C-alpha cells in the first residue's frame, strides 16, 4: 500500500476532518474537566481530528520498507499519548507537542522490530549518552569526547562506545554513496577484502617494523593508538612531558614508515 493512496488502515484519508487550533483547545479542556462520557467523546473527536498529523509524520519514514498501515497504527498510539499528556496551561500548539511524540513512538517501534536485537540496558545507555552529548555540546559549544561522556555517566568508556555503536542502524551493501548520473557507487564497492595478499603483506611488514622500535616507543604507540589515550594522558602514565611523548611518537612513526 502506498502513502498517496486514499485509504490507509481502512480509513478514507480524503474524508479525515482537520481541527482548527481553537477546536483542539476546546476538546482538550473537555477531556480534562468534563464528565467521563464528555471526556471520552471529546477524546475520540480529538484523535479523529488529528489523523492527518499522523499521516504527515509517517511520510518521513517512507524509505524504511515498513508497512504504512503498521506505521500509521503506531503513530496513532503516539498521538493518543500526546493527547493524554498535553498540558493545556502552556501556550503551545498541540502539533508542536504531538509531532515529537508521534515520531518517538514510531522510532521505538522501528528499533524494537529491528532484525538486530539490542538489549534494553544497552539502548538505555546509548540514549543517556546522546542526551549528555547534547547537553555538553550546548554548554561548551563543542562536542564532548567519549571519555567525557563516560565520566558524566560514571560508566566505562568501552560500555558507552558499544552502546552507541549498537543502536546505529545497519546499512545495506547496495546503498548508493555516490552517483555522477552515469555510474553509481554502492557501499559494497567501498568494502575492502581483509584477506587479500596486499593486506596480508602489509600486516607482516608492520609487525616487523614495530619489532625494531624501542620498548618506550612501543609503549607510547600502544597507549596512543591501541588504547586511545591522549598525549597528555600518556605523559602522565609514563612520567615524562607531553612534548617528549610527541617527539617519541613522531620518531616511532617515522621509523615505521621508513622500514615499510
Protein backbone atom coordinates (compact mmCIF):
# COMPACT_ATOMS: atom_id res chain seq x y z
CA UNK A 1 0.00 0.00 0.00
CA UNK A 2 1.35 3.43 -0.96
CA UNK A 3 1.12 6.64 1.06
CA UNK A 4 -0.52 8.52 -1.79
CA UNK A 5 -3.49 6.19 -1.90
CA UNK A 6 -6.73 7.40 -0.42
CA UNK A 7 -7.15 4.60 2.11
CA UNK A 8 -4.85 3.55 4.93
CA UNK A 9 -5.80 1.18 7.73
CA UNK A 10 -9.34 1.18 6.32
CA UNK A 11 -9.63 4.95 6.77
CA UNK A 12 -10.51 7.17 3.83
CA UNK A 13 -7.89 9.90 4.22
CA UNK A 14 -9.81 12.23 1.92
CA UNK A 15 -12.62 12.40 4.47
CA UNK A 16 -10.50 12.98 7.57
CA UNK A 17 -11.63 16.09 9.40
CA UNK A 18 -8.95 18.63 10.29
CA UNK A 19 -9.47 20.55 13.52
CA UNK A 20 -8.51 24.16 13.97
CA UNK A 21 -6.38 25.11 16.94
CA UNK A 22 -9.28 26.67 18.96
CA UNK A 23 -11.29 23.47 18.42
CA UNK A 24 -8.38 21.40 19.68
CA UNK A 25 -8.08 23.57 22.79
CA UNK A 26 -11.78 23.24 23.49
CA UNK A 27 -11.70 19.45 23.14
CA UNK A 28 -8.58 19.17 25.31
CA UNK A 29 -10.23 21.22 28.03
CA UNK A 30 -13.32 18.97 27.91
CA UNK A 31 -11.08 15.90 28.14
CA UNK A 32 -9.52 17.35 31.31
CA UNK A 33 -12.60 18.79 33.02
CA UNK A 34 -15.69 17.12 31.51
CA UNK A 35 -17.68 14.16 32.78
CA UNK A 36 -16.33 10.70 31.90
CA UNK A 37 -18.73 10.47 28.97
CA UNK A 38 -17.98 14.01 27.73
CA UNK A 39 -14.28 13.33 28.09
CA UNK A 40 -14.49 10.08 26.11
CA UNK A 41 -16.43 11.73 23.28
CA UNK A 42 -14.04 14.70 23.16
CA UNK A 43 -11.02 12.36 23.18
CA UNK A 44 -12.37 10.41 20.21
CA UNK A 45 -13.02 13.63 18.29
CA UNK A 46 -9.52 14.85 19.13
CA UNK A 47 -7.98 11.63 17.83
CA UNK A 48 -10.01 11.63 14.61
CA UNK A 49 -9.32 15.32 14.06
CA UNK A 50 -5.53 14.82 14.17
CA UNK A 51 -5.11 11.75 11.97
CA UNK A 52 -3.70 13.92 9.20
CA UNK A 53 -0.94 14.89 11.65
CA UNK A 54 -0.05 11.21 11.92
CA UNK A 55 -0.09 10.85 8.13
CA UNK A 56 2.28 13.79 7.73
CA UNK A 57 4.71 12.24 10.21
CA UNK A 58 4.82 8.71 8.78
CA UNK A 59 5.78 10.12 5.38
CA UNK A 60 9.19 10.82 6.92
CA UNK A 61 9.71 7.07 7.20
CA UNK A 62 8.78 6.07 3.65
CA UNK A 63 12.26 4.73 2.86
CA UNK A 64 12.32 2.18 5.67
CA UNK A 65 10.40 -0.52 3.79
CA UNK A 66 7.85 -0.73 6.59
CA UNK A 67 4.14 -1.35 6.04
CA UNK A 68 2.46 2.10 6.09
CA UNK A 69 -0.59 0.63 7.85
CA UNK A 70 1.66 -0.54 10.71
CA UNK A 71 3.40 2.83 10.95
CA UNK A 72 0.04 4.61 10.93
CA UNK A 73 -1.26 2.50 13.82
CA UNK A 74 1.94 3.07 15.82
CA UNK A 75 1.71 6.78 15.04
CA UNK A 76 -1.84 6.82 16.38
CA UNK A 77 -0.52 5.42 19.66
CA UNK A 78 1.90 8.35 19.84
CA UNK A 79 -0.98 10.72 19.06
CA UNK A 80 -3.09 9.29 21.89
CA UNK A 81 -0.17 9.64 24.31
CA UNK A 82 0.24 13.25 23.22
CA UNK A 83 -3.46 13.94 23.80
CA UNK A 84 -3.39 12.31 27.24
CA UNK A 85 -0.25 14.14 28.37
CA UNK A 86 -0.64 17.58 26.76
CA UNK A 87 -0.60 20.48 29.22
CA UNK A 88 -3.38 22.87 28.24
CA UNK A 89 -1.94 25.58 30.51
CA UNK A 90 1.09 26.04 28.24
CA UNK A 91 0.93 28.46 25.33
CA UNK A 92 1.99 25.79 22.83
CA UNK A 93 0.25 24.50 19.73
CA UNK A 94 -0.83 20.88 20.06
CA UNK A 95 1.06 19.87 16.92
CA UNK A 96 4.29 21.26 18.41
CA UNK A 97 3.94 18.73 21.23
CA UNK A 98 2.25 15.96 19.25
CA UNK A 99 4.70 15.58 16.36
CA UNK A 100 7.73 14.65 18.54
CA UNK A 101 5.56 12.20 20.49
CA UNK A 102 4.43 10.50 17.28
CA UNK A 103 7.96 10.42 15.88
CA UNK A 104 9.28 8.97 19.14
CA UNK A 105 6.66 6.20 19.14
CA UNK A 106 7.49 5.25 15.54
CA UNK A 107 11.22 5.25 16.23
CA UNK A 108 10.72 2.99 19.23
CA UNK A 109 8.69 0.64 17.07
CA UNK A 110 11.40 0.57 14.38
CA UNK A 111 14.12 -0.05 16.97
CA UNK A 112 12.20 -2.81 18.72
CA UNK A 113 11.43 -4.50 15.41
CA UNK A 114 14.95 -4.21 14.06
CA UNK A 115 16.35 -7.53 12.82
CA UNK A 116 19.39 -6.91 15.04
CA UNK A 117 18.22 -7.05 18.66
CA UNK A 118 19.83 -4.70 21.15
CA UNK A 119 19.32 -5.22 24.86
CA UNK A 120 17.18 -2.72 26.75
CA UNK A 121 20.06 -1.82 29.10
CA UNK A 122 22.39 -1.09 26.17
CA UNK A 123 19.76 1.08 24.48
CA UNK A 124 19.25 3.00 27.73
CA UNK A 125 22.99 3.70 27.97
CA UNK A 126 23.06 4.89 24.37
CA UNK A 127 20.10 7.25 24.83
CA UNK A 128 21.57 8.68 28.05
CA UNK A 129 24.90 9.14 26.27
CA UNK A 130 23.21 11.06 23.45
CA UNK A 131 21.40 13.27 25.95
CA UNK A 132 24.64 14.02 27.79
CA UNK A 133 26.35 14.74 24.46
CA UNK A 134 23.66 17.27 23.50
CA UNK A 135 23.79 18.94 26.92
CA UNK A 136 27.60 19.20 26.97
CA UNK A 137 27.68 20.44 23.37
CA UNK A 138 25.19 23.19 24.23
CA UNK A 139 27.14 24.18 27.35
CA UNK A 140 30.64 24.13 25.85
CA UNK A 141 29.95 24.91 22.18
CA UNK A 142 31.82 21.77 21.15
CA UNK A 143 31.17 18.06 21.11
CA UNK A 144 32.46 16.16 24.16
CA UNK A 145 34.82 13.21 23.84
CA UNK A 146 33.72 9.67 24.63
CA UNK A 147 35.81 9.87 27.78
CA UNK A 148 33.93 12.97 28.95
CA UNK A 149 30.55 11.37 28.23
CA UNK A 150 31.57 8.18 30.05
CA UNK A 151 32.79 10.21 33.04
CA UNK A 152 29.48 12.10 33.21
CA UNK A 153 27.56 8.81 33.16
CA UNK A 154 30.03 7.18 35.57
CA UNK A 155 30.47 4.28 33.16
CA UNK A 156 33.47 2.66 31.46
CA UNK A 157 34.35 4.22 28.10
CA UNK A 158 34.02 0.82 26.41
CA UNK A 159 30.39 0.45 27.57
CA UNK A 160 29.45 3.82 26.08
CA UNK A 161 31.17 3.05 22.76
CA UNK A 162 29.48 -0.35 22.45
CA UNK A 163 26.06 1.09 23.32
CA UNK A 164 26.31 3.90 20.77
CA UNK A 165 27.50 1.54 18.05
CA UNK A 166 24.75 -0.96 18.85
CA UNK A 167 21.91 1.44 18.02
CA UNK A 168 23.36 2.53 14.68
CA UNK A 169 21.10 1.17 12.01
CA UNK A 170 22.77 -1.29 9.61
CA UNK A 171 23.40 -0.01 6.09
CA UNK A 172 22.61 -2.12 3.05
CA UNK A 173 25.58 -3.11 0.87
CA UNK A 174 23.52 -1.83 -2.03
CA UNK A 175 23.06 1.64 -0.50
CA UNK A 176 24.28 4.20 -3.08
CA UNK A 177 27.01 6.50 -1.79
CA UNK A 178 27.77 8.44 -4.97
CA UNK A 179 26.39 8.91 -8.46
CA UNK A 180 27.53 11.16 -11.29
CA UNK A 181 24.45 10.45 -13.37
CA UNK A 182 26.00 7.50 -15.17
CA UNK A 183 27.79 5.18 -12.79
CA UNK A 184 26.62 4.65 -9.22
CA UNK A 185 28.99 3.62 -6.43
CA UNK A 186 27.46 1.44 -3.74
CA UNK A 187 28.63 0.63 -0.20
CA UNK A 188 29.78 -2.82 -1.33
CA UNK A 189 32.17 -1.14 -3.81
CA UNK A 190 33.90 0.55 -0.87
CA UNK A 191 34.32 -2.60 1.21
CA UNK A 192 37.81 -3.99 1.03
CA UNK A 193 38.85 -7.62 1.32
CA UNK A 194 40.80 -8.16 4.52
CA UNK A 195 42.12 -11.46 3.17
CA UNK A 196 43.82 -10.18 0.01
CA UNK A 197 47.56 -10.53 -0.46
CA UNK A 198 48.34 -6.81 -0.12
CA UNK A 199 46.76 -6.51 3.34
CA UNK A 200 48.44 -9.71 4.44
CA UNK A 201 51.86 -8.49 3.34
CA UNK A 202 51.29 -5.05 4.84
CA UNK A 203 50.45 -6.64 8.19
CA UNK A 204 53.69 -8.63 8.16
CA UNK A 205 55.69 -5.53 7.24
CA UNK A 206 54.04 -3.53 10.04
CA UNK A 207 54.82 -6.21 12.63
CA UNK A 208 58.46 -6.32 11.52
CA UNK A 209 58.70 -2.52 11.65
CA UNK A 210 57.16 -2.44 15.14
CA UNK A 211 59.63 -5.08 16.32
CA UNK A 212 62.51 -2.72 15.51
CA UNK A 213 61.22 0.00 17.85
CA UNK A 214 62.48 0.57 21.38
CA UNK A 215 60.38 -0.52 24.35
CA UNK A 216 59.46 3.10 25.11
CA UNK A 217 58.38 3.73 21.51
CA UNK A 218 56.28 0.57 21.52
CA UNK A 219 54.61 1.60 24.77
CA UNK A 220 53.84 5.11 23.55
CA UNK A 221 52.30 3.85 20.30
CA UNK A 222 50.33 1.19 22.14
CA UNK A 223 48.84 3.70 24.55
CA UNK A 224 48.16 6.27 21.83
CA UNK A 225 46.71 4.15 19.03
CA UNK A 226 45.52 0.92 20.60
CA UNK A 227 44.13 2.29 23.87
CA UNK A 228 43.06 5.70 22.60
CA UNK A 229 44.97 7.79 25.14
CA UNK A 230 45.83 11.44 24.54
CA UNK A 231 49.44 12.57 24.55
CA UNK A 232 48.87 14.25 27.93
CA UNK A 233 47.44 11.04 29.39
CA UNK A 234 50.41 9.04 28.05
CA UNK A 235 52.81 11.58 29.51
CA UNK A 236 51.22 11.30 32.96
CA UNK A 237 51.25 7.49 32.86
CA UNK A 238 54.86 7.17 31.73
CA UNK A 239 56.15 10.11 33.79
CA UNK A 240 57.50 12.33 31.05
CA UNK A 241 56.40 15.59 29.44
CA UNK A 242 53.78 15.88 26.72
CA UNK A 243 56.45 17.31 24.39
CA UNK A 244 58.59 14.22 24.90
CA UNK A 245 55.64 11.97 24.10
CA UNK A 246 55.08 13.93 20.91
CA UNK A 247 58.75 13.54 19.85
CA UNK A 248 58.78 9.81 20.64
CA UNK A 249 55.54 9.28 18.75
CA UNK A 250 56.72 11.15 15.66
CA UNK A 251 60.08 9.38 15.71
CA UNK A 252 58.47 5.93 16.04
CA UNK A 253 56.05 6.61 13.18
CA UNK A 254 58.93 7.88 11.05
CA UNK A 255 60.89 4.67 11.70
CA UNK A 256 57.89 2.53 10.80
CA UNK A 257 57.31 4.41 7.53
CA UNK A 258 60.99 4.09 6.64
CA UNK A 259 61.09 0.35 7.38
CA UNK A 260 57.88 -0.32 5.42
